[in-house]
Amino acid sequence: MAADNRAAFAEIYERYWYRVFAVAYRKLKSREIAEELVQDLFATLWHKRAEQAIQQLEYYLLAAINRRVIGYLRAHQVRAAYADYCRRYQTETSQETEHLLAATDLSEAFAKALLRLPEQSREIFRLSRLEHIPVADIATQLNLSPKAVEYHLTKSLKLLRTYLRDFTLAATIFLFIR
């Protein structure tokens, strides 16, 4: 084979290909991949025939196919791990996007519901719930009794629940459908 004798290479191929294939197939459990690795091994053997001085050809071929199988399995493991990572990242990203869209929708629905409140109730709700001002301070600021402020807050909360009921119902249905 070192003298570029194709007949010698054909003889080597016929003599050893099945043993080499059997080793690869036993470890990979895939005929196509085992055949591909064996073919690659013999192609490399032919292309590097002048560079190599092989003493024990059978041992060389069996060790070489083992290295190729291990290399293939490592590469396959890396590709599989990367594919899993991509799937997880895509799932997480789509979930984050869905949560962001849901939060945006809720904010818009809340803003629209606030605009539907009577003006004084909206102002009292804003001061109490959004700016966290105590009832007594709101009463003083707007020249109302604390009971009137509490009445407006109760009324605002009841109206907001009513206005947002359709939105929360749709959101709940969406969550159960998924």
N, C-alpha and C. Protein backbone atom coordinates (compact mmCIF):
# COMPACT_ATOMS: atom_id res chain seq x y z
N MET A 1 0.81 -1.18 0.00
CA MET A 1 0.00 0.00 0.00
C MET A 1 0.87 1.26 0.00
N ALA A 2 1.97 1.24 0.72
CA ALA A 2 2.86 2.40 0.77
C ALA A 2 3.41 2.72 -0.61
N ALA A 3 3.46 1.73 -1.51
CA ALA A 3 3.97 1.92 -2.87
C ALA A 3 2.84 2.29 -3.83
N ASP A 4 1.73 2.80 -3.30
CA ASP A 4 0.58 3.22 -4.11
C ASP A 4 -0.08 2.06 -4.86
N ASN A 5 -0.05 0.90 -4.30
CA ASN A 5 -0.65 -0.27 -4.92
C ASN A 5 -2.13 -0.33 -4.52
N ARG A 6 -2.99 -0.02 -5.48
CA ARG A 6 -4.43 0.01 -5.21
C ARG A 6 -4.97 -1.40 -4.92
N ALA A 7 -4.42 -2.38 -5.54
CA ALA A 7 -4.86 -3.76 -5.30
C ALA A 7 -4.56 -4.16 -3.86
N ALA A 8 -3.41 -3.74 -3.34
CA ALA A 8 -3.07 -4.04 -1.94
C ALA A 8 -4.05 -3.35 -1.00
N PHE A 9 -4.40 -2.10 -1.33
CA PHE A 9 -5.36 -1.38 -0.50
C PHE A 9 -6.73 -2.06 -0.55
N ALA A 10 -7.16 -2.50 -1.74
CA ALA A 10 -8.44 -3.20 -1.88
C ALA A 10 -8.44 -4.48 -1.05
N GLU A 11 -7.33 -5.17 -1.04
CA GLU A 11 -7.21 -6.40 -0.24
C GLU A 11 -7.32 -6.08 1.25
N ILE A 12 -6.65 -5.02 1.70
CA ILE A 12 -6.73 -4.61 3.11
C ILE A 12 -8.17 -4.25 3.46
N TYR A 13 -8.81 -3.51 2.57
CA TYR A 13 -10.19 -3.09 2.81
C TYR A 13 -11.11 -4.30 2.94
N GLU A 14 -10.99 -5.23 2.02
CA GLU A 14 -11.86 -6.42 2.04
C GLU A 14 -11.60 -7.28 3.27
N ARG A 15 -10.36 -7.32 3.71
CA ARG A 15 -9.99 -8.17 4.83
C ARG A 15 -10.47 -7.60 6.18
N TYR A 16 -10.43 -6.26 6.32
CA TYR A 16 -10.65 -5.67 7.64
C TYR A 16 -11.92 -4.84 7.79
N TRP A 17 -12.57 -4.47 6.71
CA TRP A 17 -13.68 -3.52 6.84
C TRP A 17 -14.79 -4.03 7.75
N TYR A 18 -15.11 -5.32 7.67
CA TYR A 18 -16.23 -5.82 8.46
C TYR A 18 -15.91 -5.82 9.95
N ARG A 19 -14.69 -6.20 10.33
CA ARG A 19 -14.32 -6.20 11.74
C ARG A 19 -14.35 -4.77 12.32
N VAL A 20 -13.84 -3.85 11.51
CA VAL A 20 -13.83 -2.44 11.94
C VAL A 20 -15.27 -1.92 12.03
N PHE A 21 -16.07 -2.26 11.03
CA PHE A 21 -17.47 -1.85 11.03
C PHE A 21 -18.21 -2.42 12.24
N ALA A 22 -17.96 -3.70 12.56
CA ALA A 22 -18.65 -4.35 13.68
C ALA A 22 -18.34 -3.64 15.00
N VAL A 23 -17.10 -3.21 15.19
CA VAL A 23 -16.73 -2.48 16.40
C VAL A 23 -17.50 -1.16 16.47
N ALA A 24 -17.51 -0.43 15.37
CA ALA A 24 -18.21 0.86 15.36
C ALA A 24 -19.71 0.67 15.55
N TYR A 25 -20.27 -0.31 14.87
CA TYR A 25 -21.72 -0.53 14.97
C TYR A 25 -22.13 -0.95 16.38
N ARG A 26 -21.34 -1.78 17.00
CA ARG A 26 -21.64 -2.26 18.35
C ARG A 26 -21.68 -1.08 19.34
N LYS A 27 -20.84 -0.09 19.13
CA LYS A 27 -20.80 1.05 20.05
C LYS A 27 -21.81 2.14 19.70
N LEU A 28 -22.11 2.29 18.42
CA LEU A 28 -22.98 3.39 17.99
C LEU A 28 -24.44 2.99 17.80
N LYS A 29 -24.68 1.72 17.50
CA LYS A 29 -26.03 1.22 17.23
C LYS A 29 -26.68 1.94 16.05
N SER A 30 -25.84 2.37 15.12
CA SER A 30 -26.35 3.04 13.91
C SER A 30 -25.51 2.57 12.73
N ARG A 31 -26.16 1.89 11.81
CA ARG A 31 -25.46 1.36 10.64
C ARG A 31 -24.86 2.49 9.79
N GLU A 32 -25.65 3.54 9.56
CA GLU A 32 -25.20 4.62 8.69
C GLU A 32 -23.97 5.34 9.26
N ILE A 33 -24.02 5.64 10.54
CA ILE A 33 -22.89 6.35 11.16
C ILE A 33 -21.66 5.45 11.20
N ALA A 34 -21.85 4.19 11.54
CA ALA A 34 -20.72 3.26 11.57
C ALA A 34 -20.09 3.14 10.19
N GLU A 35 -20.91 3.01 9.15
CA GLU A 35 -20.38 2.93 7.78
C GLU A 35 -19.61 4.19 7.42
N GLU A 36 -20.15 5.34 7.81
CA GLU A 36 -19.50 6.61 7.51
C GLU A 36 -18.13 6.71 8.18
N LEU A 37 -18.06 6.30 9.45
CA LEU A 37 -16.77 6.35 10.17
C LEU A 37 -15.76 5.38 9.59
N VAL A 38 -16.22 4.20 9.21
CA VAL A 38 -15.32 3.20 8.61
C VAL A 38 -14.81 3.72 7.26
N GLN A 39 -15.71 4.26 6.47
CA GLN A 39 -15.32 4.81 5.17
C GLN A 39 -14.29 5.92 5.34
N ASP A 40 -14.53 6.79 6.32
CA ASP A 40 -13.60 7.88 6.58
C ASP A 40 -12.25 7.35 7.04
N LEU A 41 -12.27 6.32 7.86
CA LEU A 41 -11.01 5.73 8.34
C LEU A 41 -10.19 5.18 7.18
N PHE A 42 -10.84 4.42 6.28
CA PHE A 42 -10.09 3.85 5.16
C PHE A 42 -9.65 4.92 4.16
N ALA A 43 -10.45 5.95 3.99
CA ALA A 43 -10.04 7.05 3.10
C ALA A 43 -8.81 7.74 3.66
N THR A 44 -8.80 7.98 4.97
CA THR A 44 -7.64 8.60 5.61
C THR A 44 -6.43 7.69 5.51
N LEU A 45 -6.64 6.39 5.70
CA LEU A 45 -5.55 5.42 5.59
C LEU A 45 -4.91 5.51 4.20
N TRP A 46 -5.73 5.59 3.16
CA TRP A 46 -5.20 5.66 1.80
C TRP A 46 -4.48 6.99 1.56
N HIS A 47 -5.07 8.10 2.01
CA HIS A 47 -4.48 9.42 1.76
C HIS A 47 -3.18 9.63 2.52
N LYS A 48 -3.00 8.98 3.65
CA LYS A 48 -1.79 9.15 4.46
C LYS A 48 -0.88 7.93 4.38
N ARG A 49 -1.03 7.15 3.33
CA ARG A 49 -0.27 5.90 3.20
C ARG A 49 1.23 6.12 3.17
N ALA A 50 1.66 7.24 2.61
CA ALA A 50 3.10 7.49 2.52
C ALA A 50 3.67 8.01 3.84
N GLU A 51 2.82 8.58 4.66
CA GLU A 51 3.27 9.19 5.92
C GLU A 51 3.34 8.20 7.07
N GLN A 52 2.65 7.09 6.97
CA GLN A 52 2.52 6.19 8.10
C GLN A 52 3.32 4.90 7.89
N ALA A 53 3.91 4.47 8.99
CA ALA A 53 4.58 3.16 8.99
C ALA A 53 3.85 2.31 10.03
N ILE A 54 2.87 1.57 9.57
CA ILE A 54 2.02 0.80 10.47
C ILE A 54 2.59 -0.62 10.57
N GLN A 55 2.84 -1.06 11.80
CA GLN A 55 3.40 -2.39 12.03
C GLN A 55 2.30 -3.45 12.16
N GLN A 56 1.30 -3.17 12.98
CA GLN A 56 0.20 -4.10 13.23
C GLN A 56 -1.09 -3.46 12.70
N LEU A 57 -1.43 -3.75 11.46
CA LEU A 57 -2.53 -3.08 10.78
C LEU A 57 -3.86 -3.30 11.48
N GLU A 58 -4.16 -4.52 11.88
CA GLU A 58 -5.45 -4.79 12.51
C GLU A 58 -5.60 -4.00 13.80
N TYR A 59 -4.59 -3.98 14.65
CA TYR A 59 -4.64 -3.23 15.90
C TYR A 59 -4.76 -1.73 15.62
N TYR A 60 -4.02 -1.28 14.62
CA TYR A 60 -4.09 0.13 14.23
C TYR A 60 -5.53 0.51 13.83
N LEU A 61 -6.14 -0.32 12.97
CA LEU A 61 -7.49 -0.02 12.48
C LEU A 61 -8.51 -0.05 13.62
N LEU A 62 -8.39 -1.03 14.51
CA LEU A 62 -9.34 -1.11 15.61
C LEU A 62 -9.17 0.05 16.59
N ALA A 63 -7.94 0.44 16.86
CA ALA A 63 -7.71 1.59 17.73
C ALA A 63 -8.20 2.88 17.06
N ALA A 64 -7.96 3.00 15.75
CA ALA A 64 -8.38 4.19 15.02
C ALA A 64 -9.91 4.31 14.99
N ILE A 65 -10.60 3.19 14.79
CA ILE A 65 -12.06 3.27 14.75
C ILE A 65 -12.60 3.60 16.14
N ASN A 66 -11.97 3.07 17.18
CA ASN A 66 -12.38 3.42 18.55
C ASN A 66 -12.24 4.92 18.80
N ARG A 67 -11.12 5.50 18.36
CA ARG A 67 -10.92 6.95 18.53
C ARG A 67 -11.97 7.73 17.74
N ARG A 68 -12.29 7.27 16.56
CA ARG A 68 -13.31 7.96 15.75
C ARG A 68 -14.69 7.85 16.39
N VAL A 69 -14.99 6.70 16.93
CA VAL A 69 -16.29 6.53 17.60
C VAL A 69 -16.36 7.47 18.81
N ILE A 70 -15.32 7.50 19.61
CA ILE A 70 -15.30 8.38 20.78
C ILE A 70 -15.43 9.84 20.35
N GLY A 71 -14.70 10.22 19.31
CA GLY A 71 -14.81 11.59 18.79
C GLY A 71 -16.22 11.91 18.32
N TYR A 72 -16.82 10.95 17.62
CA TYR A 72 -18.19 11.16 17.15
C TYR A 72 -19.14 11.31 18.33
N LEU A 73 -19.01 10.43 19.33
CA LEU A 73 -19.91 10.49 20.49
C LEU A 73 -19.75 11.80 21.26
N ARG A 74 -18.52 12.26 21.41
CA ARG A 74 -18.29 13.55 22.09
C ARG A 74 -18.94 14.69 21.30
N ALA A 75 -18.71 14.70 20.00
CA ALA A 75 -19.28 15.76 19.16
C ALA A 75 -20.81 15.69 19.19
N HIS A 76 -21.35 14.47 19.16
CA HIS A 76 -22.80 14.31 19.22
C HIS A 76 -23.34 14.81 20.55
N GLN A 77 -22.63 14.52 21.62
CA GLN A 77 -23.04 14.96 22.95
C GLN A 77 -23.03 16.50 23.04
N VAL A 78 -22.00 17.12 22.48
CA VAL A 78 -21.92 18.58 22.48
C VAL A 78 -23.06 19.17 21.66
N ARG A 79 -23.31 18.59 20.48
CA ARG A 79 -24.42 19.10 19.63
C ARG A 79 -25.76 18.95 20.34
N ALA A 80 -25.96 17.82 21.00
CA ALA A 80 -27.23 17.59 21.70
C ALA A 80 -27.39 18.57 22.86
N ALA A 81 -26.32 18.80 23.60
CA ALA A 81 -26.39 19.75 24.72
C ALA A 81 -26.66 21.16 24.20
N TYR A 82 -26.03 21.53 23.10
CA TYR A 82 -26.27 22.85 22.52
C TYR A 82 -27.70 22.98 22.01
N ALA A 83 -28.21 21.94 21.39
CA ALA A 83 -29.60 21.96 20.91
C ALA A 83 -30.57 22.10 22.08
N ASP A 84 -30.30 21.38 23.19
CA ASP A 84 -31.14 21.52 24.39
C ASP A 84 -31.08 22.94 24.94
N TYR A 85 -29.86 23.50 24.98
CA TYR A 85 -29.70 24.87 25.45
C TYR A 85 -30.50 25.84 24.58
N CYS A 86 -30.42 25.67 23.27
CA CYS A 86 -31.16 26.55 22.35
C CYS A 86 -32.66 26.41 22.56
N ARG A 87 -33.14 25.18 22.73
CA ARG A 87 -34.57 24.98 22.97
C ARG A 87 -35.01 25.63 24.28
N ARG A 88 -34.21 25.45 25.35
CA ARG A 88 -34.55 26.07 26.64
C ARG A 88 -34.53 27.59 26.53
N TYR A 89 -33.51 28.13 25.87
CA TYR A 89 -33.39 29.59 25.73
C TYR A 89 -34.58 30.13 24.94
N GLN A 90 -34.95 29.43 23.88
CA GLN A 90 -36.07 29.87 23.06
C GLN A 90 -37.37 29.81 23.87
N THR A 91 -37.56 28.76 24.64
CA THR A 91 -38.75 28.63 25.48
C THR A 91 -38.79 29.73 26.52
N GLU A 92 -37.65 29.97 27.20
CA GLU A 92 -37.60 31.01 28.23
C GLU A 92 -37.86 32.38 27.62
N THR A 93 -37.28 32.63 26.45
CA THR A 93 -37.45 33.91 25.79
C THR A 93 -38.90 34.11 25.39
N SER A 94 -39.53 33.07 24.85
CA SER A 94 -40.93 33.22 24.45
C SER A 94 -41.82 33.39 25.68
N GLN A 95 -41.50 32.73 26.79
CA GLN A 95 -42.28 32.91 28.02
C GLN A 95 -42.10 34.32 28.56
N GLU A 96 -40.86 34.83 28.53
CA GLU A 96 -40.61 36.20 28.99
C GLU A 96 -41.38 37.19 28.12
N THR A 97 -41.40 36.95 26.82
CA THR A 97 -42.12 37.82 25.91
C THR A 97 -43.61 37.78 26.20
N GLU A 98 -44.14 36.58 26.44
CA GLU A 98 -45.55 36.45 26.77
C GLU A 98 -45.88 37.17 28.07
N HIS A 99 -45.01 37.05 29.08
CA HIS A 99 -45.24 37.73 30.35
C HIS A 99 -45.18 39.25 30.16
N LEU A 100 -44.23 39.70 29.37
CA LEU A 100 -44.11 41.13 29.11
C LEU A 100 -45.35 41.65 28.38
N LEU A 101 -45.82 40.90 27.40
CA LEU A 101 -47.03 41.31 26.69
C LEU A 101 -48.24 41.30 27.62
N ALA A 102 -48.33 40.30 28.48
CA ALA A 102 -49.45 40.23 29.42
C ALA A 102 -49.40 41.41 30.39
N ALA A 103 -48.20 41.75 30.87
CA ALA A 103 -48.06 42.88 31.78
C ALA A 103 -48.43 44.18 31.08
N THR A 104 -48.03 44.32 29.83
CA THR A 104 -48.37 45.52 29.05
C THR A 104 -49.87 45.61 28.86
N ASP A 105 -50.48 44.48 28.51
CA ASP A 105 -51.94 44.46 28.33
C ASP A 105 -52.65 44.82 29.63
N LEU A 106 -52.17 44.29 30.75
CA LEU A 106 -52.79 44.59 32.03
C LEU A 106 -52.63 46.08 32.36
N SER A 107 -51.45 46.62 32.12
CA SER A 107 -51.22 48.05 32.38
C SER A 107 -52.16 48.91 31.54
N GLU A 108 -52.31 48.55 30.28
CA GLU A 108 -53.22 49.31 29.41
C GLU A 108 -54.66 49.19 29.88
N ALA A 109 -55.08 48.00 30.25
CA ALA A 109 -56.45 47.81 30.74
C ALA A 109 -56.67 48.58 32.04
N PHE A 110 -55.67 48.58 32.92
CA PHE A 110 -55.77 49.31 34.17
C PHE A 110 -55.87 50.82 33.91
N ALA A 111 -55.04 51.33 32.99
CA ALA A 111 -55.08 52.76 32.67
C ALA A 111 -56.44 53.15 32.09
N LYS A 112 -56.99 52.32 31.23
CA LYS A 112 -58.33 52.59 30.66
C LYS A 112 -59.39 52.53 31.74
N ALA A 113 -59.28 51.57 32.65
CA ALA A 113 -60.26 51.46 33.73
C ALA A 113 -60.18 52.66 34.65
N LEU A 114 -58.98 53.16 34.93
CA LEU A 114 -58.82 54.36 35.75
C LEU A 114 -59.51 55.56 35.12
N LEU A 115 -59.40 55.67 33.81
CA LEU A 115 -60.03 56.80 33.11
C LEU A 115 -61.55 56.74 33.18
N ARG A 116 -62.11 55.58 33.41
CA ARG A 116 -63.57 55.42 33.50
C ARG A 116 -64.10 55.81 34.89
N LEU A 117 -63.20 55.95 35.87
CA LEU A 117 -63.64 56.34 37.21
C LEU A 117 -64.07 57.82 37.21
N PRO A 118 -64.99 58.17 38.10
CA PRO A 118 -65.31 59.59 38.26
C PRO A 118 -64.05 60.36 38.67
N GLU A 119 -63.97 61.60 38.30
CA GLU A 119 -62.74 62.38 38.47
C GLU A 119 -62.24 62.41 39.91
N GLN A 120 -63.11 62.70 40.87
CA GLN A 120 -62.67 62.79 42.25
C GLN A 120 -62.24 61.42 42.79
N SER A 121 -62.98 60.37 42.45
CA SER A 121 -62.60 59.02 42.88
C SER A 121 -61.26 58.62 42.28
N ARG A 122 -61.05 58.97 41.01
CA ARG A 122 -59.77 58.66 40.34
C ARG A 122 -58.61 59.37 41.05
N GLU A 123 -58.81 60.65 41.41
CA GLU A 123 -57.75 61.42 42.07
C GLU A 123 -57.44 60.82 43.44
N ILE A 124 -58.47 60.46 44.19
CA ILE A 124 -58.26 59.86 45.52
C ILE A 124 -57.58 58.50 45.38
N PHE A 125 -58.00 57.71 44.42
CA PHE A 125 -57.36 56.40 44.18
C PHE A 125 -55.88 56.59 43.82
N ARG A 126 -55.60 57.51 42.92
CA ARG A 126 -54.22 57.77 42.51
C ARG A 126 -53.36 58.16 43.71
N LEU A 127 -53.86 59.10 44.53
CA LEU A 127 -53.09 59.55 45.68
C LEU A 127 -52.87 58.42 46.68
N SER A 128 -53.91 57.60 46.92
CA SER A 128 -53.80 56.55 47.92
C SER A 128 -52.99 55.36 47.43
N ARG A 129 -53.36 54.82 46.28
CA ARG A 129 -52.76 53.56 45.84
C ARG A 129 -51.50 53.73 45.00
N LEU A 130 -51.38 54.81 44.27
CA LEU A 130 -50.21 54.96 43.40
C LEU A 130 -49.12 55.82 44.04
N GLU A 131 -49.53 56.81 44.86
CA GLU A 131 -48.53 57.66 45.51
C GLU A 131 -48.38 57.33 47.00
N HIS A 132 -49.19 56.40 47.50
CA HIS A 132 -49.11 55.88 48.87
C HIS A 132 -49.24 56.98 49.94
N ILE A 133 -50.17 57.87 49.71
CA ILE A 133 -50.44 58.93 50.69
C ILE A 133 -51.53 58.42 51.64
N PRO A 134 -51.36 58.59 52.94
CA PRO A 134 -52.36 58.11 53.91
C PRO A 134 -53.71 58.82 53.73
N VAL A 135 -54.77 58.13 54.16
CA VAL A 135 -56.14 58.65 54.02
C VAL A 135 -56.28 60.01 54.69
N ALA A 136 -55.74 60.16 55.89
CA ALA A 136 -55.86 61.43 56.62
C ALA A 136 -55.23 62.58 55.84
N ASP A 137 -54.08 62.33 55.23
CA ASP A 137 -53.41 63.39 54.45
C ASP A 137 -54.20 63.73 53.19
N ILE A 138 -54.80 62.72 52.56
CA ILE A 138 -55.62 62.96 51.36
C ILE A 138 -56.84 63.80 51.75
N ALA A 139 -57.44 63.43 52.88
CA ALA A 139 -58.62 64.18 53.35
C ALA A 139 -58.26 65.64 53.58
N THR A 140 -57.14 65.88 54.20
CA THR A 140 -56.70 67.25 54.45
C THR A 140 -56.40 67.97 53.13
N GLN A 141 -55.70 67.32 52.26
CA GLN A 141 -55.30 67.91 50.98
C GLN A 141 -56.51 68.27 50.12
N LEU A 142 -57.53 67.41 50.09
CA LEU A 142 -58.70 67.63 49.22
C LEU A 142 -59.88 68.26 49.97
N ASN A 143 -59.66 68.57 51.24
CA ASN A 143 -60.69 69.21 52.06
C ASN A 143 -61.93 68.33 52.15
N LEU A 144 -61.70 67.04 52.47
CA LEU A 144 -62.77 66.06 52.63
C LEU A 144 -62.61 65.38 53.97
N SER A 145 -63.67 64.70 54.41
CA SER A 145 -63.55 63.91 55.64
C SER A 145 -62.85 62.59 55.31
N PRO A 146 -62.18 61.99 56.28
CA PRO A 146 -61.55 60.68 56.03
C PRO A 146 -62.57 59.63 55.58
N LYS A 147 -63.81 59.71 56.10
CA LYS A 147 -64.84 58.75 55.69
C LYS A 147 -65.17 58.94 54.21
N ALA A 148 -65.18 60.17 53.72
CA ALA A 148 -65.47 60.44 52.30
C ALA A 148 -64.34 59.87 51.44
N VAL A 149 -63.10 60.01 51.89
CA VAL A 149 -61.96 59.46 51.15
C VAL A 149 -62.08 57.94 51.11
N GLU A 150 -62.41 57.33 52.24
CA GLU A 150 -62.57 55.87 52.28
C GLU A 150 -63.72 55.42 51.37
N TYR A 151 -64.80 56.20 51.35
CA TYR A 151 -65.92 55.89 50.46
C TYR A 151 -65.47 55.89 49.00
N HIS A 152 -64.72 56.94 48.61
CA HIS A 152 -64.24 57.02 47.23
C HIS A 152 -63.28 55.88 46.89
N LEU A 153 -62.45 55.50 47.84
CA LEU A 153 -61.53 54.37 47.61
C LEU A 153 -62.31 53.08 47.43
N THR A 154 -63.29 52.84 48.29
CA THR A 154 -64.11 51.63 48.18
C THR A 154 -64.83 51.61 46.85
N LYS A 155 -65.43 52.74 46.49
CA LYS A 155 -66.15 52.85 45.22
C LYS A 155 -65.20 52.62 44.04
N SER A 156 -64.00 53.20 44.10
CA SER A 156 -63.01 53.04 43.02
C SER A 156 -62.58 51.59 42.86
N LEU A 157 -62.31 50.94 43.97
CA LEU A 157 -61.88 49.53 43.92
C LEU A 157 -62.98 48.64 43.34
N LYS A 158 -64.24 48.90 43.75
CA LYS A 158 -65.35 48.11 43.24
C LYS A 158 -65.51 48.32 41.73
N LEU A 159 -65.42 49.58 41.27
CA LEU A 159 -65.55 49.87 39.84
C LEU A 159 -64.39 49.28 39.04
N LEU A 160 -63.19 49.38 39.59
CA LEU A 160 -62.03 48.82 38.89
C LEU A 160 -62.15 47.30 38.75
N ARG A 161 -62.62 46.64 39.81
CA ARG A 161 -62.84 45.20 39.71
C ARG A 161 -63.83 44.87 38.61
N THR A 162 -64.88 45.66 38.54
CA THR A 162 -65.89 45.45 37.50
C THR A 162 -65.31 45.70 36.12
N TYR A 163 -64.58 46.78 35.96
CA TYR A 163 -64.01 47.13 34.65
C TYR A 163 -62.95 46.11 34.20
N LEU A 164 -62.22 45.59 35.16
CA LEU A 164 -61.13 44.66 34.82
C LEU A 164 -61.58 43.19 34.81
N ARG A 165 -62.82 42.94 35.17
CA ARG A 165 -63.31 41.56 35.22
C ARG A 165 -63.16 40.88 33.86
N ASP A 166 -63.55 41.57 32.79
CA ASP A 166 -63.44 40.98 31.46
C ASP A 166 -61.99 40.67 31.11
N PHE A 167 -61.10 41.59 31.48
CA PHE A 167 -59.68 41.37 31.19
C PHE A 167 -59.15 40.16 31.97
N THR A 168 -59.45 40.08 33.26
CA THR A 168 -58.93 38.97 34.06
C THR A 168 -59.56 37.65 33.63
N LEU A 169 -60.82 37.67 33.21
CA LEU A 169 -61.46 36.46 32.72
C LEU A 169 -60.76 35.97 31.45
N ALA A 170 -60.48 36.89 30.52
CA ALA A 170 -59.79 36.52 29.28
C ALA A 170 -58.38 36.01 29.58
N ALA A 171 -57.69 36.65 30.52
CA ALA A 171 -56.33 36.22 30.88
C ALA A 171 -56.36 34.83 31.52
N THR A 172 -57.33 34.57 32.37
CA THR A 172 -57.46 33.27 33.01
C THR A 172 -57.73 32.18 31.97
N ILE A 173 -58.64 32.46 31.06
CA ILE A 173 -58.93 31.49 30.01
C ILE A 173 -57.69 31.22 29.17
N PHE A 174 -56.94 32.27 28.83
CA PHE A 174 -55.71 32.11 28.06
C PHE A 174 -54.71 31.21 28.78
N LEU A 175 -54.57 31.39 30.09
CA LEU A 175 -53.62 30.58 30.86
C LEU A 175 -54.04 29.12 30.91
N PHE A 176 -55.34 28.85 31.01
CA PHE A 176 -55.78 27.46 31.07
C PHE A 176 -55.73 26.78 29.71
N ILE A 177 -55.86 27.53 28.63
CA ILE A 177 -55.79 26.96 27.30
C ILE A 177 -54.37 26.50 27.00
N ARG A 178 -53.40 27.26 27.44
CA ARG A 178 -52.00 26.93 27.15
C ARG A 178 -51.65 25.74 27.97
